[in-house]
Amino acid sequence: MGKEIIITCIGCPMGCLVTVTKEESRREKIEGYVCKKGEAYAKDEVTNPTRMVTAVLSVEGSREPLSVKTQQFIPKEKIFDCLDVIYKSKVALPVSIGDVIVKDVCNTGVDVVATKHLR
């Protein structure tokens, strides 16, 4: 028998407990999902886990913080490195939604962008 990994799916509001059994033949057996999103999420989580990163930054000249996010998912193991780079970023007014705050964060090919306007 292979190694079992139990994952709570976040693909939809159901929150299914999905069991992934990794077989010696390098094949996965995936059980417990209700929708196809659960199957895809579990497979990705076991083979290549990724996350969207969000953060809040101080902005020079503003008392209001700026919310930012990665434009796409990044490898899970790069989250803390990504946050270090984001928090070291200097941002000044004005800022518009979609402005690139950090280009190609941690060599992921993914930009960090502003998610609101600040004037």
PDB file of N, CA and C in Angstrom:
ATOM      1  N   MET A   1       0.836  -1.176   0.000  1.00  0.00           N
ATOM      2  CA  MET A   1       0.000   0.000   0.000  1.00  0.00           C
ATOM      3  C   MET A   1       0.881   1.239   0.000  1.00  0.00           C
ATOM      4  N   GLY A   2       0.394   2.313  -0.631  1.00  0.00           N
ATOM      5  CA  GLY A   2       1.159   3.539  -0.734  1.00  0.00           C
ATOM      6  C   GLY A   2       0.962   4.456   0.462  1.00  0.00           C
ATOM      7  N   LYS A   3       1.541   5.613   0.360  1.00  0.00           N
ATOM      8  CA  LYS A   3       1.461   6.628   1.410  1.00  0.00           C
ATOM      9  C   LYS A   3       0.178   7.434   1.232  1.00  0.00           C
ATOM     10  N   GLU A   4      -0.594   7.588   2.317  1.00  0.00           N
ATOM     11  CA  GLU A   4      -1.837   8.355   2.267  1.00  0.00           C
ATOM     12  C   GLU A   4      -1.621   9.772   2.772  1.00  0.00           C
ATOM     13  N   ILE A   5      -2.184  10.721   2.017  1.00  0.00           N
ATOM     14  CA  ILE A   5      -2.153  12.128   2.402  1.00  0.00           C
ATOM     15  C   ILE A   5      -3.600  12.609   2.401  1.00  0.00           C
ATOM     16  N   ILE A   6      -4.034  13.219   3.508  1.00  0.00           N
ATOM     17  CA  ILE A   6      -5.394  13.738   3.590  1.00  0.00           C
ATOM     18  C   ILE A   6      -5.339  15.254   3.468  1.00  0.00           C
ATOM     19  N   ILE A   7      -6.126  15.782   2.546  1.00  0.00           N
ATOM     20  CA  ILE A   7      -6.112  17.201   2.221  1.00  0.00           C
ATOM     21  C   ILE A   7      -7.530  17.746   2.336  1.00  0.00           C
ATOM     22  N   THR A   8      -7.685  18.920   2.928  1.00  0.00           N
ATOM     23  CA  THR A   8      -8.970  19.608   2.897  1.00  0.00           C
ATOM     24  C   THR A   8      -8.987  20.474   1.655  1.00  0.00           C
ATOM     25  N   CYS A   9      -9.897  20.178   0.764  1.00  0.00           N
ATOM     26  CA  CYS A   9      -9.973  20.904  -0.501  1.00  0.00           C
ATOM     27  C   CYS A   9     -10.507  22.318  -0.266  1.00  0.00           C
ATOM     28  N   ILE A  10      -9.921  23.286  -0.954  1.00  0.00           N
ATOM     29  CA  ILE A  10     -10.392  24.665  -0.892  1.00  0.00           C
ATOM     30  C   ILE A  10     -10.899  25.125  -2.258  1.00  0.00           C
ATOM     31  N   GLY A  11     -11.189  24.180  -3.141  1.00  0.00           N
ATOM     32  CA  GLY A  11     -11.637  24.497  -4.496  1.00  0.00           C
ATOM     33  C   GLY A  11     -13.057  25.028  -4.565  1.00  0.00           C
ATOM     34  N   CYS A  12     -13.877  24.685  -3.597  1.00  0.00           N
ATOM     35  CA  CYS A  12     -15.256  25.171  -3.534  1.00  0.00           C
ATOM     36  C   CYS A  12     -15.679  25.194  -2.062  1.00  0.00           C
ATOM     37  N   PRO A  13     -16.856  25.690  -1.744  1.00  0.00           N
ATOM     38  CA  PRO A  13     -17.279  25.793  -0.339  1.00  0.00           C
ATOM     39  C   PRO A  13     -17.505  24.460   0.387  1.00  0.00           C
ATOM     40  N   MET A  14     -17.522  23.343  -0.303  1.00  0.00           N
ATOM     41  CA  MET A  14     -17.792  22.045   0.326  1.00  0.00           C
ATOM     42  C   MET A  14     -16.709  21.653   1.340  1.00  0.00           C
ATOM     43  N   GLY A  15     -15.451  21.991   1.073  1.00  0.00           N
ATOM     44  CA  GLY A  15     -14.355  21.653   1.991  1.00  0.00           C
ATOM     45  C   GLY A  15     -14.170  20.155   2.159  1.00  0.00           C
ATOM     46  N   CYS A  16     -14.224  19.417   1.086  1.00  0.00           N
ATOM     47  CA  CYS A  16     -14.106  17.955   1.131  1.00  0.00           C
ATOM     48  C   CYS A  16     -12.764  17.514   1.710  1.00  0.00           C
ATOM     49  N   LEU A  17     -12.794  16.426   2.471  1.00  0.00           N
ATOM     50  CA  LEU A  17     -11.554  15.773   2.893  1.00  0.00           C
ATOM     51  C   LEU A  17     -11.198  14.778   1.801  1.00  0.00           C
ATOM     52  N   VAL A  18     -10.133  15.067   1.107  1.00  0.00           N
ATOM     53  CA  VAL A  18      -9.715  14.249  -0.032  1.00  0.00           C
ATOM     54  C   VAL A  18      -8.493  13.440   0.389  1.00  0.00           C
ATOM     55  N   THR A  19      -8.530  12.156   0.087  1.00  0.00           N
ATOM     56  CA  THR A  19      -7.411  11.274   0.390  1.00  0.00           C
ATOM     57  C   THR A  19      -6.654  10.984  -0.898  1.00  0.00           C
ATOM     58  N   VAL A  20      -5.362  11.255  -0.863  1.00  0.00           N
ATOM     59  CA  VAL A  20      -4.491  10.947  -1.997  1.00  0.00           C
ATOM     60  C   VAL A  20      -3.563   9.839  -1.538  1.00  0.00           C
ATOM     61  N   THR A  21      -3.589   8.737  -2.254  1.00  0.00           N
ATOM     62  CA  THR A  21      -2.701   7.619  -1.955  1.00  0.00           C
ATOM     63  C   THR A  21      -1.663   7.552  -3.059  1.00  0.00           C
ATOM     64  N   LYS A  22      -0.415   7.770  -2.682  1.00  0.00           N
ATOM     65  CA  LYS A  22       0.678   7.707  -3.656  1.00  0.00           C
ATOM     66  C   LYS A  22       1.160   6.262  -3.723  1.00  0.00           C
ATOM     67  N   GLU A  23       1.022   5.680  -4.865  1.00  0.00           N
ATOM     68  CA  GLU A  23       1.433   4.299  -5.081  1.00  0.00           C
ATOM     69  C   GLU A  23       2.890   4.246  -5.519  1.00  0.00           C
ATOM     70  N   GLU A  24       3.502   3.106  -5.334  1.00  0.00           N
ATOM     71  CA  GLU A  24       4.901   2.933  -5.737  1.00  0.00           C
ATOM     72  C   GLU A  24       5.087   3.121  -7.235  1.00  0.00           C
ATOM     73  N   SER A  25       4.057   2.862  -7.990  1.00  0.00           N
ATOM     74  CA  SER A  25       4.139   2.998  -9.439  1.00  0.00           C
ATOM     75  C   SER A  25       4.081   4.462  -9.877  1.00  0.00           C
ATOM     76  N   ARG A  26       4.161   5.383  -8.894  1.00  0.00           N
ATOM     77  CA  ARG A  26       4.122   6.829  -9.130  1.00  0.00           C
ATOM     78  C   ARG A  26       2.740   7.312  -9.545  1.00  0.00           C
ATOM     79  N   ARG A  27       1.736   6.501  -9.423  1.00  0.00           N
ATOM     80  CA  ARG A  27       0.373   6.916  -9.721  1.00  0.00           C
ATOM     81  C   ARG A  27      -0.305   7.301  -8.420  1.00  0.00           C
ATOM     82  N   GLU A  28      -1.231   8.244  -8.522  1.00  0.00           N
ATOM     83  CA  GLU A  28      -1.992   8.653  -7.353  1.00  0.00           C
ATOM     84  C   GLU A  28      -3.408   8.120  -7.448  1.00  0.00           C
ATOM     85  N   LYS A  29      -3.929   7.703  -6.318  1.00  0.00           N
ATOM     86  CA  LYS A  29      -5.329   7.337  -6.204  1.00  0.00           C
ATOM     87  C   LYS A  29      -5.968   8.453  -5.387  1.00  0.00           C
ATOM     88  N   ILE A  30      -6.996   9.098  -5.939  1.00  0.00           N
ATOM     89  CA  ILE A  30      -7.613  10.244  -5.289  1.00  0.00           C
ATOM     90  C   ILE A  30      -9.071   9.908  -4.985  1.00  0.00           C
ATOM     91  N   GLU A  31      -9.446  10.041  -3.694  1.00  0.00           N
ATOM     92  CA  GLU A  31     -10.793   9.700  -3.262  1.00  0.00           C
ATOM     93  C   GLU A  31     -11.336  10.751  -2.303  1.00  0.00           C
ATOM     94  N   GLY A  32     -12.661  10.874  -2.257  1.00  0.00           N
ATOM     95  CA  GLY A  32     -13.310  11.722  -1.268  1.00  0.00           C
ATOM     96  C   GLY A  32     -13.763  13.070  -1.788  1.00  0.00           C
ATOM     97  N   TYR A  33     -13.474  13.394  -3.024  1.00  0.00           N
ATOM     98  CA  TYR A  33     -13.890  14.681  -3.579  1.00  0.00           C
ATOM     99  C   TYR A  33     -15.315  14.571  -4.129  1.00  0.00           C
ATOM    100  N   VAL A  34     -16.015  15.690  -4.111  1.00  0.00           N
ATOM    101  CA  VAL A  34     -17.381  15.726  -4.635  1.00  0.00           C
ATOM    102  C   VAL A  34     -17.392  16.271  -6.060  1.00  0.00           C
ATOM    103  N   CYS A  35     -16.539  17.266  -6.322  1.00  0.00           N
ATOM    104  CA  CYS A  35     -16.514  17.862  -7.656  1.00  0.00           C
ATOM    105  C   CYS A  35     -15.123  17.718  -8.286  1.00  0.00           C
ATOM    106  N   LYS A  36     -15.047  17.989  -9.557  1.00  0.00           N
ATOM    107  CA  LYS A  36     -13.769  17.866 -10.284  1.00  0.00           C
ATOM    108  C   LYS A  36     -12.709  18.827  -9.754  1.00  0.00           C
ATOM    109  N   LYS A  37     -13.138  19.961  -9.174  1.00  0.00           N
ATOM    110  CA  LYS A  37     -12.175  20.892  -8.586  1.00  0.00           C
ATOM    111  C   LYS A  37     -11.397  20.211  -7.462  1.00  0.00           C
ATOM    112  N   GLY A  38     -12.089  19.371  -6.695  1.00  0.00           N
ATOM    113  CA  GLY A  38     -11.443  18.663  -5.591  1.00  0.00           C
ATOM    114  C   GLY A  38     -10.378  17.710  -6.069  1.00  0.00           C
ATOM    115  N   GLU A  39     -10.681  17.001  -7.123  1.00  0.00           N
ATOM    116  CA  GLU A  39      -9.700  16.070  -7.688  1.00  0.00           C
ATOM    117  C   GLU A  39      -8.471  16.826  -8.196  1.00  0.00           C
ATOM    118  N   ALA A  40      -8.698  17.904  -8.940  1.00  0.00           N
ATOM    119  CA  ALA A  40      -7.587  18.691  -9.490  1.00  0.00           C
ATOM    120  C   ALA A  40      -6.773  19.349  -8.383  1.00  0.00           C
ATOM    121  N   TYR A  41      -7.466  19.897  -7.372  1.00  0.00           N
ATOM    122  CA  TYR A  41      -6.771  20.556  -6.267  1.00  0.00           C
ATOM    123  C   TYR A  41      -5.882  19.565  -5.522  1.00  0.00           C
ATOM    124  N   ALA A  42      -6.416  18.400  -5.211  1.00  0.00           N
ATOM    125  CA  ALA A  42      -5.650  17.390  -4.472  1.00  0.00           C
ATOM    126  C   ALA A  42      -4.424  16.942  -5.261  1.00  0.00           C
ATOM    127  N   LYS A  43      -4.596  16.708  -6.536  1.00  0.00           N
ATOM    128  CA  LYS A  43      -3.461  16.274  -7.365  1.00  0.00           C
ATOM    129  C   LYS A  43      -2.377  17.352  -7.393  1.00  0.00           C
ATOM    130  N   ASP A  44      -2.787  18.602  -7.602  1.00  0.00           N
ATOM    131  CA  ASP A  44      -1.817  19.705  -7.627  1.00  0.00           C
ATOM    132  C   ASP A  44      -1.147  19.890  -6.269  1.00  0.00           C
ATOM    133  N   GLU A  45      -1.923  19.755  -5.197  1.00  0.00           N
ATOM    134  CA  GLU A  45      -1.386  19.977  -3.852  1.00  0.00           C
ATOM    135  C   GLU A  45      -0.305  18.948  -3.515  1.00  0.00           C
ATOM    136  N   VAL A  46      -0.433  17.758  -4.046  1.00  0.00           N
ATOM    137  CA  VAL A  46       0.549  16.707  -3.781  1.00  0.00           C
ATOM    138  C   VAL A  46       1.759  16.816  -4.711  1.00  0.00           C
ATOM    139  N   THR A  47       1.545  17.241  -5.950  1.00  0.00           N
ATOM    140  CA  THR A  47       2.634  17.262  -6.920  1.00  0.00           C
ATOM    141  C   THR A  47       3.315  18.622  -7.062  1.00  0.00           C
ATOM    142  N   ASN A  48       2.546  19.727  -6.948  1.00  0.00           N
ATOM    143  CA  ASN A  48       3.106  21.060  -7.152  1.00  0.00           C
ATOM    144  C   ASN A  48       2.254  22.095  -6.407  1.00  0.00           C
ATOM    145  N   PRO A  49       2.373  22.165  -5.078  1.00  0.00           N
ATOM    146  CA  PRO A  49       1.528  23.099  -4.322  1.00  0.00           C
ATOM    147  C   PRO A  49       1.877  24.560  -4.617  1.00  0.00           C
ATOM    148  N   THR A  50       0.837  25.351  -4.863  1.00  0.00           N
ATOM    149  CA  THR A  50       0.999  26.775  -5.145  1.00  0.00           C
ATOM    150  C   THR A  50       0.002  27.582  -4.321  1.00  0.00           C
ATOM    151  N   ARG A  51       0.292  28.865  -4.168  1.00  0.00           N
ATOM    152  CA  ARG A  51      -0.588  29.753  -3.423  1.00  0.00           C
ATOM    153  C   ARG A  51      -0.567  31.155  -4.028  1.00  0.00           C
ATOM    154  N   MET A  52      -1.680  31.858  -3.872  1.00  0.00           N
ATOM    155  CA  MET A  52      -1.744  33.291  -4.155  1.00  0.00           C
ATOM    156  C   MET A  52      -1.250  33.971  -2.880  1.00  0.00           C
ATOM    157  N   VAL A  53      -0.434  34.997  -3.011  1.00  0.00           N
ATOM    158  CA  VAL A  53       0.095  35.695  -1.838  1.00  0.00           C
ATOM    159  C   VAL A  53      -0.523  37.087  -1.784  1.00  0.00           C
ATOM    160  N   THR A  54      -1.018  37.465  -0.609  1.00  0.00           N
ATOM    161  CA  THR A  54      -1.548  38.804  -0.396  1.00  0.00           C
ATOM    162  C   THR A  54      -0.806  39.434   0.778  1.00  0.00           C
ATOM    163  N   ALA A  55      -0.717  40.754   0.758  1.00  0.00           N
ATOM    164  CA  ALA A  55      -0.033  41.468   1.841  1.00  0.00           C
ATOM    165  C   ALA A  55      -0.549  42.902   1.893  1.00  0.00           C
ATOM    166  N   VAL A  56      -0.173  43.597   2.951  1.00  0.00           N
ATOM    167  CA  VAL A  56      -0.523  45.003   3.128  1.00  0.00           C
ATOM    168  C   VAL A  56       0.766  45.768   3.402  1.00  0.00           C
ATOM    169  N   LEU A  57       0.946  46.877   2.699  1.00  0.00           N
ATOM    170  CA  LEU A  57       2.172  47.677   2.801  1.00  0.00           C
ATOM    171  C   LEU A  57       1.893  49.091   3.269  1.00  0.00           C
ATOM    172  N   SER A  58       2.870  49.689   3.908  1.00  0.00           N
ATOM    173  CA  SER A  58       2.827  51.118   4.191  1.00  0.00           C
ATOM    174  C   SER A  58       3.180  51.863   2.908  1.00  0.00           C
ATOM    175  N   VAL A  59       2.574  53.025   2.745  1.00  0.00           N
ATOM    176  CA  VAL A  59       2.831  53.837   1.560  1.00  0.00           C
ATOM    177  C   VAL A  59       3.317  55.207   2.004  1.00  0.00           C
ATOM    178  N   GLU A  60       4.442  55.639   1.426  1.00  0.00           N
ATOM    179  CA  GLU A  60       4.981  56.960   1.736  1.00  0.00           C
ATOM    180  C   GLU A  60       3.962  58.018   1.353  1.00  0.00           C
ATOM    181  N   GLY A  61       3.631  58.904   2.300  1.00  0.00           N
ATOM    182  CA  GLY A  61       2.685  59.974   2.024  1.00  0.00           C
ATOM    183  C   GLY A  61       1.235  59.616   2.273  1.00  0.00           C
ATOM    184  N   SER A  62       0.972  58.433   2.835  1.00  0.00           N
ATOM    185  CA  SER A  62      -0.409  58.019   3.087  1.00  0.00           C
ATOM    186  C   SER A  62      -0.514  57.351   4.451  1.00  0.00           C
ATOM    187  N   ARG A  63      -1.603  57.634   5.140  1.00  0.00           N
ATOM    188  CA  ARG A  63      -1.861  56.929   6.397  1.00  0.00           C
ATOM    189  C   ARG A  63      -2.597  55.622   6.137  1.00  0.00           C
ATOM    190  N   GLU A  64      -3.111  55.489   4.930  1.00  0.00           N
ATOM    191  CA  GLU A  64      -3.853  54.281   4.564  1.00  0.00           C
ATOM    192  C   GLU A  64      -2.891  53.253   3.963  1.00  0.00           C
ATOM    193  N   PRO A  65      -3.000  51.989   4.396  1.00  0.00           N
ATOM    194  CA  PRO A  65      -2.118  50.963   3.831  1.00  0.00           C
ATOM    195  C   PRO A  65      -2.570  50.546   2.428  1.00  0.00           C
ATOM    196  N   LEU A  66      -1.680  49.911   1.713  1.00  0.00           N
ATOM    197  CA  LEU A  66      -1.955  49.424   0.363  1.00  0.00           C
ATOM    198  C   LEU A  66      -2.002  47.903   0.371  1.00  0.00           C
ATOM    199  N   SER A  67      -3.084  47.349  -0.129  1.00  0.00           N
ATOM    200  CA  SER A  67      -3.167  45.896  -0.275  1.00  0.00           C
ATOM    201  C   SER A  67      -2.578  45.512  -1.633  1.00  0.00           C
ATOM    202  N   VAL A  68      -1.812  44.420  -1.622  1.00  0.00           N
ATOM    203  CA  VAL A  68      -1.178  43.916  -2.848  1.00  0.00           C
ATOM    204  C   VAL A  68      -1.374  42.403  -2.925  1.00  0.00           C
ATOM    205  N   LYS A  69      -1.185  41.851  -4.122  1.00  0.00           N
ATOM    206  CA  LYS A  69      -1.278  40.401  -4.298  1.00  0.00           C
ATOM    207  C   LYS A  69      -0.437  39.976  -5.488  1.00  0.00           C
ATOM    208  N   THR A  70      -0.093  38.695  -5.507  1.00  0.00           N
ATOM    209  CA  THR A  70       0.565  38.155  -6.689  1.00  0.00           C
ATOM    210  C   THR A  70      -0.497  38.016  -7.773  1.00  0.00           C
ATOM    211  N   GLN A  71      -0.102  38.245  -9.017  1.00  0.00           N
ATOM    212  CA  GLN A  71      -1.069  38.156 -10.109  1.00  0.00           C
ATOM    213  C   GLN A  71      -1.478  36.713 -10.399  1.00  0.00           C
ATOM    214  N   GLN A  72      -0.640  35.787 -10.017  1.00  0.00           N
ATOM    215  CA  GLN A  72      -0.906  34.372 -10.227  1.00  0.00           C
ATOM    216  C   GLN A  72      -0.391  33.613  -9.013  1.00  0.00           C
ATOM    217  N   PHE A  73      -0.665  32.334  -8.991  1.00  0.00           N
ATOM    218  CA  PHE A  73      -0.147  31.490  -7.921  1.00  0.00           C
ATOM    219  C   PHE A  73       1.370  31.370  -8.058  1.00  0.00           C
ATOM    220  N   ILE A  74       2.042  31.232  -6.912  1.00  0.00           N
ATOM    221  CA  ILE A  74       3.487  30.995  -6.901  1.00  0.00           C
ATOM    222  C   ILE A  74       3.748  29.692  -6.145  1.00  0.00           C
ATOM    223  N   PRO A  75       4.914  29.079  -6.328  1.00  0.00           N
ATOM    224  CA  PRO A  75       5.224  27.863  -5.567  1.00  0.00           C
ATOM    225  C   PRO A  75       5.132  28.110  -4.066  1.00  0.00           C
ATOM    226  N   LYS A  76       4.508  27.183  -3.367  1.00  0.00           N
ATOM    227  CA  LYS A  76       4.280  27.325  -1.927  1.00  0.00           C
ATOM    228  C   LYS A  76       5.581  27.557  -1.158  1.00  0.00           C
ATOM    229  N   GLU A  77       6.657  26.928  -1.577  1.00  0.00           N
ATOM    230  CA  GLU A  77       7.911  27.058  -0.836  1.00  0.00           C
ATOM    231  C   GLU A  77       8.531  28.456  -0.972  1.00  0.00           C
ATOM    232  N   LYS A  78       8.007  29.294  -1.870  1.00  0.00           N
ATOM    233  CA  LYS A  78       8.555  30.643  -2.048  1.00  0.00           C
ATOM    234  C   LYS A  78       7.727  31.721  -1.340  1.00  0.00           C
ATOM    235  N   ILE A  79       6.693  31.339  -0.610  1.00  0.00           N
ATOM    236  CA  ILE A  79       5.809  32.323   0.030  1.00  0.00           C
ATOM    237  C   ILE A  79       6.581  33.273   0.937  1.00  0.00           C
ATOM    238  N   PHE A  80       7.374  32.763   1.862  1.00  0.00           N
ATOM    239  CA  PHE A  80       8.045  33.631   2.830  1.00  0.00           C
ATOM    240  C   PHE A  80       9.122  34.491   2.173  1.00  0.00           C
ATOM    241  N   ASP A  81       9.822  33.961   1.183  1.00  0.00           N
ATOM    242  CA  ASP A  81      10.788  34.775   0.440  1.00  0.00           C
ATOM    243  C   ASP A  81      10.067  35.901  -0.296  1.00  0.00           C
ATOM    244  N   CYS A  82       8.935  35.571  -0.876  1.00  0.00           N
ATOM    245  CA  CYS A  82       8.122  36.557  -1.586  1.00  0.00           C
ATOM    246  C   CYS A  82       7.668  37.656  -0.631  1.00  0.00           C
ATOM    247  N   LEU A  83       7.184  37.272   0.543  1.00  0.00           N
ATOM    248  CA  LEU A  83       6.746  38.264   1.531  1.00  0.00           C
ATOM    249  C   LEU A  83       7.892  39.158   1.978  1.00  0.00           C
ATOM    250  N   ASP A  84       9.086  38.596   2.146  1.00  0.00           N
ATOM    251  CA  ASP A  84      10.252  39.411   2.507  1.00  0.00           C
ATOM    252  C   ASP A  84      10.499  40.493   1.462  1.00  0.00           C
ATOM    253  N   VAL A  85      10.444  40.120   0.198  1.00  0.00           N
ATOM    254  CA  VAL A  85      10.664  41.083  -0.884  1.00  0.00           C
ATOM    255  C   VAL A  85       9.544  42.132  -0.898  1.00  0.00           C
ATOM    256  N   ILE A  86       8.314  41.702  -0.749  1.00  0.00           N
ATOM    257  CA  ILE A  86       7.178  42.636  -0.751  1.00  0.00           C
ATOM    258  C   ILE A  86       7.321  43.653   0.377  1.00  0.00           C
ATOM    259  N   TYR A  87       7.600  43.180   1.592  1.00  0.00           N
ATOM    260  CA  TYR A  87       7.671  44.084   2.737  1.00  0.00           C
ATOM    261  C   TYR A  87       8.851  45.051   2.673  1.00  0.00           C
ATOM    262  N   LYS A  88       9.864  44.737   1.898  1.00  0.00           N
ATOM    263  CA  LYS A  88      11.009  45.642   1.729  1.00  0.00           C
ATOM    264  C   LYS A  88      10.772  46.664   0.617  1.00  0.00           C
ATOM    265  N   SER A  89       9.670  46.521  -0.103  1.00  0.00           N
ATOM    266  CA  SER A  89       9.368  47.414  -1.226  1.00  0.00           C
ATOM    267  C   SER A  89       8.990  48.803  -0.740  1.00  0.00           C
ATOM    268  N   LYS A  90       9.435  49.810  -1.463  1.00  0.00           N
ATOM    269  CA  LYS A  90       9.088  51.206  -1.186  1.00  0.00           C
ATOM    270  C   LYS A  90       7.999  51.619  -2.168  1.00  0.00           C
ATOM    271  N   VAL A  91       6.913  52.141  -1.626  1.00  0.00           N
ATOM    272  CA  VAL A  91       5.796  52.562  -2.460  1.00  0.00           C
ATOM    273  C   VAL A  91       5.436  53.993  -2.094  1.00  0.00           C
ATOM    274  N   ALA A  92       5.221  54.821  -3.122  1.00  0.00           N
ATOM    275  CA  ALA A  92       4.831  56.215  -2.904  1.00  0.00           C
ATOM    276  C   ALA A  92       3.560  56.512  -3.696  1.00  0.00           C
ATOM    277  N   LEU A  93       2.856  57.532  -3.272  1.00  0.00           N
ATOM    278  CA  LEU A  93       1.631  57.956  -3.957  1.00  0.00           C
ATOM    279  C   LEU A  93       1.961  58.555  -5.307  1.00  0.00           C
ATOM    280  N   PRO A  94       1.073  58.537  -6.257  1.00  0.00           N
ATOM    281  CA  PRO A  94      -0.203  57.828  -6.278  1.00  0.00           C
ATOM    282  C   PRO A  94      -0.024  56.377  -6.694  1.00  0.00           C
ATOM    283  N   VAL A  95      -0.986  55.538  -6.330  1.00  0.00           N
ATOM    284  CA  VAL A  95      -0.982  54.127  -6.699  1.00  0.00           C
ATOM    285  C   VAL A  95      -2.355  53.795  -7.284  1.00  0.00           C
ATOM    286  N   SER A  96      -2.366  53.051  -8.376  1.00  0.00           N
ATOM    287  CA  SER A  96      -3.616  52.623  -8.999  1.00  0.00           C
ATOM    288  C   SER A  96      -3.726  51.109  -8.970  1.00  0.00           C
ATOM    289  N   ILE A  97      -4.949  50.622  -9.005  1.00  0.00           N
ATOM    290  CA  ILE A  97      -5.171  49.173  -9.070  1.00  0.00           C
ATOM    291  C   ILE A  97      -4.414  48.618 -10.268  1.00  0.00           C
ATOM    292  N   GLY A  98      -3.679  47.549 -10.056  1.00  0.00           N
ATOM    293  CA  GLY A  98      -2.945  46.906 -11.136  1.00  0.00           C
ATOM    294  C   GLY A  98      -1.516  47.383 -11.303  1.00  0.00           C
ATOM    295  N   ASP A  99      -1.153  48.484 -10.629  1.00  0.00           N
ATOM    296  CA  ASP A  99       0.246  48.934 -10.712  1.00  0.00           C
ATOM    297  C   ASP A  99       1.159  47.822 -10.202  1.00  0.00           C
ATOM    298  N   VAL A 100       2.246  47.582 -10.917  1.00  0.00           N
ATOM    299  CA  VAL A 100       3.205  46.566 -10.497  1.00  0.00           C
ATOM    300  C   VAL A 100       4.043  47.132  -9.360  1.00  0.00           C
ATOM    301  N   ILE A 101       4.004  46.465  -8.230  1.00  0.00           N
ATOM    302  CA  ILE A 101       4.768  46.869  -7.048  1.00  0.00           C
ATOM    303  C   ILE A 101       6.109  46.141  -7.020  1.00  0.00           C
ATOM    304  N   VAL A 102       6.104  44.847  -7.377  1.00  0.00           N
ATOM    305  CA  VAL A 102       7.325  44.047  -7.495  1.00  0.00           C
ATOM    306  C   VAL A 102       7.212  43.240  -8.779  1.00  0.00           C
ATOM    307  N   LYS A 103       8.168  43.427  -9.668  1.00  0.00           N
ATOM    308  CA  LYS A 103       8.173  42.673 -10.919  1.00  0.00           C
ATOM    309  C   LYS A 103       8.904  41.345 -10.713  1.00  0.00           C
ATOM    310  N   ASP A 104       8.355  40.276 -11.247  1.00  0.00           N
ATOM    311  CA  ASP A 104       8.981  38.947 -11.222  1.00  0.00           C
ATOM    312  C   ASP A 104       9.499  38.594  -9.820  1.00  0.00           C
ATOM    313  N   VAL A 105       8.595  38.598  -8.856  1.00  0.00           N
ATOM    314  CA  VAL A 105       8.973  38.369  -7.461  1.00  0.00           C
ATOM    315  C   VAL A 105       9.673  37.016  -7.301  1.00  0.00           C
ATOM    316  N   CYS A 106      10.843  37.035  -6.710  1.00  0.00           N
ATOM    317  CA  CYS A 106      11.645  35.826  -6.418  1.00  0.00           C
ATOM    318  C   CYS A 106      11.844  34.936  -7.647  1.00  0.00           C
ATOM    319  N   ASN A 107      11.987  35.560  -8.804  1.00  0.00           N
ATOM    320  CA  ASN A 107      12.219  34.826 -10.058  1.00  0.00           C
ATOM    321  C   ASN A 107      11.130  33.796 -10.355  1.00  0.00           C
ATOM    322  N   THR A 108       9.901  34.133  -9.997  1.00  0.00           N
ATOM    323  CA  THR A 108       8.773  33.224 -10.265  1.00  0.00           C
ATOM    324  C   THR A 108       8.114  33.522 -11.600  1.00  0.00           C
ATOM    325  N   GLY A 109       8.436  34.687 -12.185  1.00  0.00           N
ATOM    326  CA  GLY A 109       7.748  35.118 -13.394  1.00  0.00           C
ATOM    327  C   GLY A 109       6.415  35.787 -13.087  1.00  0.00           C
ATOM    328  N   VAL A 110       6.132  35.996 -11.801  1.00  0.00           N
ATOM    329  CA  VAL A 110       4.860  36.560 -11.366  1.00  0.00           C
ATOM    330  C   VAL A 110       5.100  37.933 -10.737  1.00  0.00           C
ATOM    331  N   ASP A 111       4.276  38.905 -11.131  1.00  0.00           N
ATOM    332  CA  ASP A 111       4.377  40.252 -10.563  1.00  0.00           C
ATOM    333  C   ASP A 111       3.460  40.387  -9.353  1.00  0.00           C
ATOM    334  N   VAL A 112       3.829  41.277  -8.442  1.00  0.00           N
ATOM    335  CA  VAL A 112       2.983  41.662  -7.317  1.00  0.00           C
ATOM    336  C   VAL A 112       2.352  42.991  -7.695  1.00  0.00           C
ATOM    337  N   VAL A 113       1.024  43.083  -7.582  1.00  0.00           N
ATOM    338  CA  VAL A 113       0.304  44.277  -8.028  1.00  0.00           C
ATOM    339  C   VAL A 113      -0.547  44.874  -6.910  1.00  0.00           C
ATOM    340  N   ALA A 114      -0.822  46.164  -7.046  1.00  0.00           N
ATOM    341  CA  ALA A 114      -1.713  46.867  -6.123  1.00  0.00           C
ATOM    342  C   ALA A 114      -3.153  46.405  -6.371  1.00  0.00           C
ATOM    343  N   THR A 115      -3.917  46.309  -5.290  1.00  0.00           N
ATOM    344  CA  THR A 115      -5.319  45.894  -5.436  1.00  0.00           C
ATOM    345  C   THR A 115      -6.297  47.010  -5.116  1.00  0.00           C
ATOM    346  N   LYS A 116      -5.771  48.240  -4.950  1.00  0.00           N
ATOM    347  CA  LYS A 116      -6.660  49.392  -4.744  1.00  0.00           C
ATOM    348  C   LYS A 116      -5.960  50.677  -5.141  1.00  0.00           C
ATOM    349  N   HIS A 117      -6.757  51.733  -5.281  1.00  0.00           N
ATOM    350  CA  HIS A 117      -6.236  53.066  -5.598  1.00  0.00           C
ATOM    351  C   HIS A 117      -5.895  53.793  -4.305  1.00  0.00           C
ATOM    352  N   LEU A 118      -4.785  54.496  -4.319  1.00  0.00           N
ATOM    353  CA  LEU A 118      -4.439  55.417  -3.235  1.00  0.00           C
ATOM    354  C   LEU A 118      -3.960  56.715  -3.883  1.00  0.00           C
ATOM    355  N   ARG A 119      -4.524  57.822  -3.431  1.00  0.00           N
ATOM    356  CA  ARG A 119      -4.152  59.138  -3.982  1.00  0.00           C
ATOM    357  C   ARG A 119      -3.616  60.026  -2.902  1.00  0.00           C
TER     358      ARG A 119
END
